[in-house]
Amino acid sequence: MTESKQILLLIENAAKLHGHLGPFLVIGVRMGDLAKRCLEVDDKSSCRLEVRIQTPLSTPFSCVIDGIQASTSCTVGNRKLKIKNSTKEIIARFRLQNTKKIIISVNPRIAETLISEMSKGANAEQLAAKIAHMQEEQLFVFEK
């Protein structure tokens, strides 16, 4: 399966879990997918992945949490996902138990633009599609 088809399938499954499709859900899926690729997480090592996310705990920002859960299988329930409230930024720290780690933050301009467009009544699914196809370097700032 090509990478773009794989991400679209992850997004589709995340939308089923979350209840609807929106741009911040897609951001979470993309964050989780990027982290898994950078940390070389496969089916065998996925049980060793842990995530700590800082995000505003209000919608639509908190939708990122479900995107990460859907794309990584790190959940609040299995205690591999820890959540901390943030005033503004969205930052996720992914760690493969005591080995490799990556920190991914959402480009603040992207989040601001999304909020502005949503407040003007933009279609959430169209914004989600835009985020799904955006270059990672445009969408995120990340460091290993």
N, C-alpha and C. Protein backbone atom coordinates (compact mmCIF):
# COMPACT_ATOMS: atom_id res chain seq x y z
N MET A 1 0.85 -1.17 0.00
CA MET A 1 0.00 0.00 0.00
C MET A 1 0.90 1.24 0.00
N THR A 2 0.56 2.20 -0.85
CA THR A 2 1.36 3.43 -0.91
C THR A 2 1.16 4.25 0.37
N GLU A 3 2.13 5.11 0.64
CA GLU A 3 2.07 5.92 1.85
C GLU A 3 0.82 6.80 1.88
N SER A 4 0.45 7.39 0.73
CA SER A 4 -0.73 8.26 0.72
C SER A 4 -2.01 7.47 0.95
N LYS A 5 -2.10 6.25 0.41
CA LYS A 5 -3.29 5.42 0.65
C LYS A 5 -3.34 4.99 2.12
N GLN A 6 -2.17 4.72 2.69
CA GLN A 6 -2.11 4.31 4.09
C GLN A 6 -2.59 5.43 5.01
N ILE A 7 -2.15 6.65 4.75
CA ILE A 7 -2.55 7.78 5.60
C ILE A 7 -4.05 8.04 5.44
N LEU A 8 -4.58 7.90 4.23
CA LEU A 8 -6.02 8.10 4.03
C LEU A 8 -6.84 7.04 4.77
N LEU A 9 -6.34 5.81 4.83
CA LEU A 9 -7.01 4.75 5.58
C LEU A 9 -6.95 5.04 7.08
N LEU A 10 -5.80 5.52 7.56
CA LEU A 10 -5.68 5.91 8.97
C LEU A 10 -6.67 7.03 9.31
N ILE A 11 -6.79 8.00 8.42
CA ILE A 11 -7.71 9.12 8.64
C ILE A 11 -9.16 8.63 8.66
N GLU A 12 -9.49 7.74 7.74
CA GLU A 12 -10.85 7.18 7.69
C GLU A 12 -11.19 6.45 8.99
N ASN A 13 -10.24 5.63 9.47
CA ASN A 13 -10.46 4.89 10.72
C ASN A 13 -10.54 5.84 11.92
N ALA A 14 -9.73 6.89 11.91
CA ALA A 14 -9.76 7.87 13.00
C ALA A 14 -11.11 8.59 13.03
N ALA A 15 -11.64 8.92 11.86
CA ALA A 15 -12.94 9.60 11.80
C ALA A 15 -14.04 8.70 12.35
N LYS A 16 -13.95 7.40 12.12
CA LYS A 16 -14.93 6.47 12.68
C LYS A 16 -14.84 6.46 14.20
N LEU A 17 -13.64 6.43 14.73
CA LEU A 17 -13.44 6.45 16.17
C LEU A 17 -13.94 7.76 16.78
N HIS A 18 -13.59 8.85 16.14
CA HIS A 18 -13.85 10.20 16.66
C HIS A 18 -15.31 10.64 16.46
N GLY A 19 -15.93 10.14 15.42
CA GLY A 19 -17.32 10.50 15.16
C GLY A 19 -17.52 11.45 14.01
N HIS A 20 -16.46 12.11 13.57
CA HIS A 20 -16.55 12.99 12.40
C HIS A 20 -15.14 13.30 11.92
N LEU A 21 -15.05 13.88 10.75
CA LEU A 21 -13.77 14.24 10.16
C LEU A 21 -13.54 15.74 10.29
N GLY A 22 -12.39 16.10 10.80
CA GLY A 22 -12.05 17.51 10.93
C GLY A 22 -10.54 17.69 10.84
N PRO A 23 -10.08 18.91 10.65
CA PRO A 23 -8.66 19.17 10.41
C PRO A 23 -7.75 18.84 11.59
N PHE A 24 -8.21 19.05 12.82
CA PHE A 24 -7.35 18.77 13.97
C PHE A 24 -7.22 17.27 14.22
N LEU A 25 -8.25 16.51 13.89
CA LEU A 25 -8.15 15.05 13.93
C LEU A 25 -7.07 14.59 12.96
N VAL A 26 -7.08 15.14 11.76
CA VAL A 26 -6.09 14.77 10.74
C VAL A 26 -4.68 15.17 11.18
N ILE A 27 -4.56 16.31 11.84
CA ILE A 27 -3.25 16.71 12.36
C ILE A 27 -2.73 15.64 13.32
N GLY A 28 -3.59 15.14 14.21
CA GLY A 28 -3.17 14.09 15.14
C GLY A 28 -2.75 12.81 14.43
N VAL A 29 -3.52 12.41 13.43
CA VAL A 29 -3.17 11.21 12.65
C VAL A 29 -1.80 11.40 11.99
N ARG A 30 -1.61 12.57 11.39
CA ARG A 30 -0.34 12.84 10.70
C ARG A 30 0.83 12.87 11.69
N MET A 31 0.62 13.43 12.88
CA MET A 31 1.67 13.44 13.90
C MET A 31 2.07 12.01 14.27
N GLY A 32 1.08 11.19 14.55
CA GLY A 32 1.36 9.80 14.92
C GLY A 32 2.05 9.03 13.82
N ASP A 33 1.60 9.23 12.60
CA ASP A 33 2.20 8.54 11.46
C ASP A 33 3.66 8.97 11.26
N LEU A 34 3.91 10.27 11.34
CA LEU A 34 5.27 10.79 11.20
C LEU A 34 6.18 10.21 12.28
N ALA A 35 5.70 10.21 13.51
CA ALA A 35 6.51 9.69 14.61
C ALA A 35 6.84 8.21 14.41
N LYS A 36 5.85 7.43 14.00
CA LYS A 36 6.10 6.00 13.79
C LYS A 36 7.13 5.76 12.69
N ARG A 37 7.06 6.55 11.63
CA ARG A 37 8.04 6.40 10.55
C ARG A 37 9.43 6.82 11.02
N CYS A 38 9.54 7.95 11.70
CA CYS A 38 10.85 8.45 12.15
C CYS A 38 11.48 7.54 13.19
N LEU A 39 10.67 6.94 14.04
CA LEU A 39 11.18 6.05 15.08
C LEU A 39 11.27 4.61 14.61
N GLU A 40 10.87 4.37 13.36
CA GLU A 40 10.89 3.04 12.76
C GLU A 40 10.09 2.03 13.59
N VAL A 41 8.89 2.45 13.97
CA VAL A 41 7.99 1.60 14.75
C VAL A 41 7.29 0.64 13.81
N ASP A 42 7.37 -0.63 14.13
CA ASP A 42 6.64 -1.64 13.37
C ASP A 42 5.67 -2.35 14.31
N ASP A 43 4.99 -3.37 13.80
CA ASP A 43 4.00 -4.07 14.63
C ASP A 43 4.63 -4.65 15.90
N LYS A 44 5.86 -5.09 15.80
CA LYS A 44 6.56 -5.69 16.93
C LYS A 44 6.91 -4.66 18.01
N SER A 45 7.35 -3.49 17.59
CA SER A 45 7.81 -2.48 18.55
C SER A 45 6.71 -1.50 18.95
N SER A 46 5.54 -1.56 18.33
CA SER A 46 4.49 -0.56 18.61
C SER A 46 4.04 -0.60 20.07
N CYS A 47 4.16 -1.74 20.73
CA CYS A 47 3.75 -1.84 22.13
C CYS A 47 4.72 -1.08 23.05
N ARG A 48 5.87 -0.67 22.53
CA ARG A 48 6.85 0.08 23.33
C ARG A 48 6.77 1.59 23.11
N LEU A 49 5.87 2.03 22.24
CA LEU A 49 5.73 3.45 21.94
C LEU A 49 4.90 4.14 23.03
N GLU A 50 5.35 5.34 23.43
CA GLU A 50 4.63 6.15 24.41
C GLU A 50 4.55 7.58 23.89
N VAL A 51 3.47 8.28 24.26
CA VAL A 51 3.26 9.65 23.79
C VAL A 51 2.85 10.54 24.97
N ARG A 52 3.42 11.73 24.98
CA ARG A 52 3.00 12.79 25.90
C ARG A 52 2.61 13.97 25.02
N ILE A 53 1.37 14.41 25.14
CA ILE A 53 0.91 15.52 24.30
C ILE A 53 0.47 16.70 25.17
N GLN A 54 0.85 17.87 24.72
CA GLN A 54 0.37 19.12 25.31
C GLN A 54 -0.49 19.79 24.25
N THR A 55 -1.73 20.08 24.62
CA THR A 55 -2.66 20.74 23.71
C THR A 55 -3.73 21.43 24.53
N PRO A 56 -4.32 22.48 24.01
CA PRO A 56 -5.48 23.03 24.72
C PRO A 56 -6.55 21.95 24.83
N LEU A 57 -7.12 21.78 26.01
CA LEU A 57 -8.12 20.74 26.21
C LEU A 57 -9.53 21.28 25.93
N SER A 58 -9.65 21.86 24.74
CA SER A 58 -10.94 22.34 24.26
C SER A 58 -11.00 22.05 22.76
N THR A 59 -12.22 21.83 22.27
CA THR A 59 -12.37 21.58 20.84
C THR A 59 -12.13 22.88 20.09
N PRO A 60 -11.58 22.80 18.92
CA PRO A 60 -11.22 21.63 18.14
C PRO A 60 -9.81 21.09 18.43
N PHE A 61 -9.03 21.78 19.25
CA PHE A 61 -7.64 21.36 19.49
C PHE A 61 -7.53 19.94 20.05
N SER A 62 -8.42 19.61 20.99
CA SER A 62 -8.35 18.30 21.64
C SER A 62 -8.62 17.14 20.67
N CYS A 63 -9.14 17.42 19.50
CA CYS A 63 -9.38 16.39 18.49
C CYS A 63 -8.06 15.74 18.06
N VAL A 64 -6.97 16.47 18.21
CA VAL A 64 -5.64 15.94 17.89
C VAL A 64 -5.39 14.65 18.69
N ILE A 65 -5.88 14.61 19.91
CA ILE A 65 -5.67 13.46 20.79
C ILE A 65 -6.23 12.19 20.16
N ASP A 66 -7.45 12.25 19.64
CA ASP A 66 -8.04 11.07 19.00
C ASP A 66 -7.28 10.66 17.75
N GLY A 67 -6.76 11.63 17.02
CA GLY A 67 -5.95 11.31 15.84
C GLY A 67 -4.69 10.55 16.21
N ILE A 68 -4.06 10.97 17.29
CA ILE A 68 -2.85 10.27 17.76
C ILE A 68 -3.22 8.88 18.25
N GLN A 69 -4.31 8.77 19.00
CA GLN A 69 -4.73 7.45 19.49
C GLN A 69 -5.00 6.49 18.32
N ALA A 70 -5.68 6.98 17.31
CA ALA A 70 -6.05 6.13 16.18
C ALA A 70 -4.85 5.71 15.34
N SER A 71 -3.85 6.57 15.25
CA SER A 71 -2.71 6.25 14.37
C SER A 71 -1.57 5.52 15.07
N THR A 72 -1.56 5.54 16.41
CA THR A 72 -0.44 4.91 17.12
C THR A 72 -0.84 3.75 18.02
N SER A 73 -2.11 3.62 18.35
CA SER A 73 -2.59 2.66 19.34
C SER A 73 -2.11 2.99 20.75
N CYS A 74 -1.56 4.18 20.95
CA CYS A 74 -1.26 4.69 22.28
C CYS A 74 -2.53 5.38 22.74
N THR A 75 -3.12 4.90 23.83
CA THR A 75 -4.38 5.46 24.28
C THR A 75 -4.31 5.82 25.76
N VAL A 76 -5.29 6.58 26.19
CA VAL A 76 -5.40 6.90 27.61
C VAL A 76 -5.65 5.60 28.37
N GLY A 77 -6.48 4.73 27.81
CA GLY A 77 -6.84 3.47 28.47
C GLY A 77 -5.67 2.53 28.69
N ASN A 78 -4.76 2.42 27.71
CA ASN A 78 -3.61 1.53 27.91
C ASN A 78 -2.44 2.25 28.57
N ARG A 79 -2.66 3.51 28.94
CA ARG A 79 -1.71 4.33 29.70
C ARG A 79 -0.42 4.65 28.93
N LYS A 80 -0.48 4.55 27.61
CA LYS A 80 0.68 4.91 26.79
C LYS A 80 0.55 6.32 26.23
N LEU A 81 -0.57 6.98 26.55
CA LEU A 81 -0.80 8.36 26.13
C LEU A 81 -1.09 9.20 27.37
N LYS A 82 -0.26 10.18 27.57
CA LYS A 82 -0.44 11.13 28.69
C LYS A 82 -0.77 12.49 28.08
N ILE A 83 -1.71 13.20 28.69
CA ILE A 83 -2.19 14.46 28.16
C ILE A 83 -1.99 15.56 29.19
N LYS A 84 -1.51 16.70 28.70
CA LYS A 84 -1.34 17.87 29.56
C LYS A 84 -1.98 19.07 28.87
N ASN A 85 -2.70 19.87 29.63
CA ASN A 85 -3.35 21.06 29.07
C ASN A 85 -2.29 22.10 28.70
N SER A 86 -2.53 22.78 27.62
CA SER A 86 -1.65 23.83 27.13
C SER A 86 -2.51 25.06 26.84
N THR A 87 -1.92 26.23 26.93
CA THR A 87 -2.69 27.43 26.63
C THR A 87 -2.83 27.66 25.13
N LYS A 88 -1.84 27.24 24.36
CA LYS A 88 -1.86 27.55 22.94
C LYS A 88 -1.25 26.46 22.07
N GLU A 89 -0.05 26.02 22.40
CA GLU A 89 0.69 25.13 21.49
C GLU A 89 0.18 23.70 21.51
N ILE A 90 0.50 23.01 20.43
CA ILE A 90 0.20 21.58 20.31
C ILE A 90 1.54 20.90 20.07
N ILE A 91 2.01 20.17 21.09
CA ILE A 91 3.31 19.50 21.02
C ILE A 91 3.15 18.07 21.50
N ALA A 92 3.69 17.13 20.73
CA ALA A 92 3.66 15.73 21.14
C ALA A 92 5.09 15.20 21.20
N ARG A 93 5.37 14.50 22.28
CA ARG A 93 6.67 13.86 22.49
C ARG A 93 6.46 12.36 22.39
N PHE A 94 7.02 11.77 21.36
CA PHE A 94 6.89 10.34 21.12
C PHE A 94 8.20 9.67 21.53
N ARG A 95 8.09 8.56 22.26
CA ARG A 95 9.30 7.89 22.71
C ARG A 95 9.11 6.38 22.58
N LEU A 96 10.13 5.75 22.04
CA LEU A 96 10.17 4.29 21.96
C LEU A 96 10.94 3.85 23.19
N GLN A 97 10.24 3.39 24.22
CA GLN A 97 10.77 3.10 25.55
C GLN A 97 12.29 3.14 25.68
N ASN A 98 12.75 4.24 26.23
CA ASN A 98 14.16 4.44 26.58
C ASN A 98 15.14 4.31 25.43
N THR A 99 14.67 4.46 24.21
CA THR A 99 15.62 4.43 23.08
C THR A 99 15.49 5.74 22.30
N LYS A 100 14.73 5.71 21.22
CA LYS A 100 14.62 6.88 20.35
C LYS A 100 13.43 7.73 20.74
N LYS A 101 13.52 9.03 20.40
CA LYS A 101 12.38 9.91 20.64
C LYS A 101 12.31 10.97 19.54
N ILE A 102 11.13 11.55 19.40
CA ILE A 102 10.92 12.67 18.48
C ILE A 102 9.88 13.59 19.10
N ILE A 103 10.11 14.88 18.95
CA ILE A 103 9.17 15.89 19.41
C ILE A 103 8.59 16.56 18.17
N ILE A 104 7.27 16.57 18.09
CA ILE A 104 6.58 17.16 16.93
C ILE A 104 5.64 18.24 17.44
N SER A 105 5.78 19.44 16.90
CA SER A 105 4.83 20.51 17.23
C SER A 105 4.16 21.00 15.97
N VAL A 106 2.93 21.41 16.14
CA VAL A 106 2.15 21.93 15.02
C VAL A 106 2.60 23.36 14.75
N ASN A 107 2.83 23.66 13.50
CA ASN A 107 3.18 25.02 13.09
C ASN A 107 2.06 25.95 13.58
N PRO A 108 2.39 26.91 14.46
CA PRO A 108 1.34 27.78 15.02
C PRO A 108 0.54 28.53 13.97
N ARG A 109 1.18 28.87 12.86
CA ARG A 109 0.47 29.58 11.78
C ARG A 109 -0.64 28.72 11.18
N ILE A 110 -0.36 27.42 11.07
CA ILE A 110 -1.37 26.50 10.52
C ILE A 110 -2.58 26.44 11.45
N ALA A 111 -2.33 26.28 12.75
CA ALA A 111 -3.44 26.21 13.71
C ALA A 111 -4.25 27.51 13.70
N GLU A 112 -3.57 28.64 13.68
CA GLU A 112 -4.26 29.94 13.65
C GLU A 112 -5.11 30.09 12.39
N THR A 113 -4.55 29.68 11.26
CA THR A 113 -5.29 29.76 10.00
C THR A 113 -6.53 28.87 10.04
N LEU A 114 -6.38 27.65 10.58
CA LEU A 114 -7.53 26.75 10.67
C LEU A 114 -8.63 27.33 11.55
N ILE A 115 -8.26 27.86 12.69
CA ILE A 115 -9.25 28.45 13.60
C ILE A 115 -9.95 29.62 12.92
N SER A 116 -9.20 30.44 12.23
CA SER A 116 -9.78 31.58 11.53
C SER A 116 -10.76 31.12 10.46
N GLU A 117 -10.36 30.14 9.66
CA GLU A 117 -11.23 29.64 8.59
C GLU A 117 -12.48 28.97 9.16
N MET A 118 -12.32 28.21 10.25
CA MET A 118 -13.47 27.54 10.85
C MET A 118 -14.44 28.56 11.44
N SER A 119 -13.92 29.65 12.00
CA SER A 119 -14.80 30.67 12.58
C SER A 119 -15.59 31.40 11.49
N LYS A 120 -15.09 31.34 10.26
CA LYS A 120 -15.79 31.97 9.14
C LYS A 120 -16.75 30.99 8.46
N GLY A 121 -16.85 29.76 9.03
CA GLY A 121 -17.79 28.79 8.48
C GLY A 121 -17.24 27.86 7.43
N ALA A 122 -15.92 27.76 7.31
CA ALA A 122 -15.32 26.85 6.33
C ALA A 122 -15.73 25.41 6.63
N ASN A 123 -15.84 24.62 5.60
CA ASN A 123 -16.22 23.22 5.71
C ASN A 123 -15.09 22.42 6.36
N ALA A 124 -15.38 21.74 7.48
CA ALA A 124 -14.36 21.00 8.24
C ALA A 124 -13.75 19.87 7.42
N GLU A 125 -14.56 19.19 6.62
CA GLU A 125 -14.04 18.08 5.82
C GLU A 125 -13.09 18.59 4.73
N GLN A 126 -13.39 19.74 4.15
CA GLN A 126 -12.49 20.32 3.15
C GLN A 126 -11.18 20.76 3.79
N LEU A 127 -11.24 21.32 4.98
CA LEU A 127 -10.03 21.70 5.70
C LEU A 127 -9.22 20.45 6.07
N ALA A 128 -9.92 19.39 6.44
CA ALA A 128 -9.25 18.12 6.77
C ALA A 128 -8.50 17.58 5.54
N ALA A 129 -9.13 17.65 4.38
CA ALA A 129 -8.49 17.18 3.15
C ALA A 129 -7.24 18.01 2.85
N LYS A 130 -7.33 19.31 3.08
CA LYS A 130 -6.18 20.19 2.87
C LYS A 130 -5.02 19.78 3.78
N ILE A 131 -5.31 19.51 5.06
CA ILE A 131 -4.29 19.09 6.01
C ILE A 131 -3.73 17.72 5.63
N ALA A 132 -4.57 16.84 5.14
CA ALA A 132 -4.13 15.49 4.77
C ALA A 132 -3.07 15.52 3.67
N HIS A 133 -3.13 16.52 2.81
CA HIS A 133 -2.21 16.59 1.67
C HIS A 133 -1.09 17.61 1.83
N MET A 134 -1.05 18.27 2.96
CA MET A 134 -0.03 19.30 3.20
C MET A 134 1.33 18.64 3.47
N GLN A 135 2.39 19.30 3.03
CA GLN A 135 3.75 18.81 3.28
C GLN A 135 4.03 18.81 4.79
N GLU A 136 4.66 17.74 5.29
CA GLU A 136 4.98 17.64 6.72
C GLU A 136 5.81 18.83 7.20
N GLU A 137 6.73 19.29 6.37
CA GLU A 137 7.61 20.39 6.76
C GLU A 137 6.84 21.70 6.91
N GLN A 138 5.71 21.81 6.24
CA GLN A 138 4.85 22.98 6.33
C GLN A 138 3.94 22.90 7.57
N LEU A 139 3.53 21.70 7.88
CA LEU A 139 2.56 21.44 8.93
C LEU A 139 3.19 21.37 10.32
N PHE A 140 4.41 20.82 10.39
CA PHE A 140 5.03 20.54 11.68
C PHE A 140 6.44 21.10 11.78
N VAL A 141 6.87 21.23 13.03
CA VAL A 141 8.27 21.45 13.36
C VAL A 141 8.63 20.21 14.18
N PHE A 142 9.69 19.52 13.79
CA PHE A 142 10.03 18.31 14.55
C PHE A 142 11.54 18.18 14.74
N GLU A 143 11.88 17.57 15.88
CA GLU A 143 13.28 17.35 16.22
C GLU A 143 13.42 15.97 16.83
N LYS A 144 14.50 15.32 16.46
CA LYS A 144 14.76 13.98 16.99
C LYS A 144 15.69 14.08 18.18
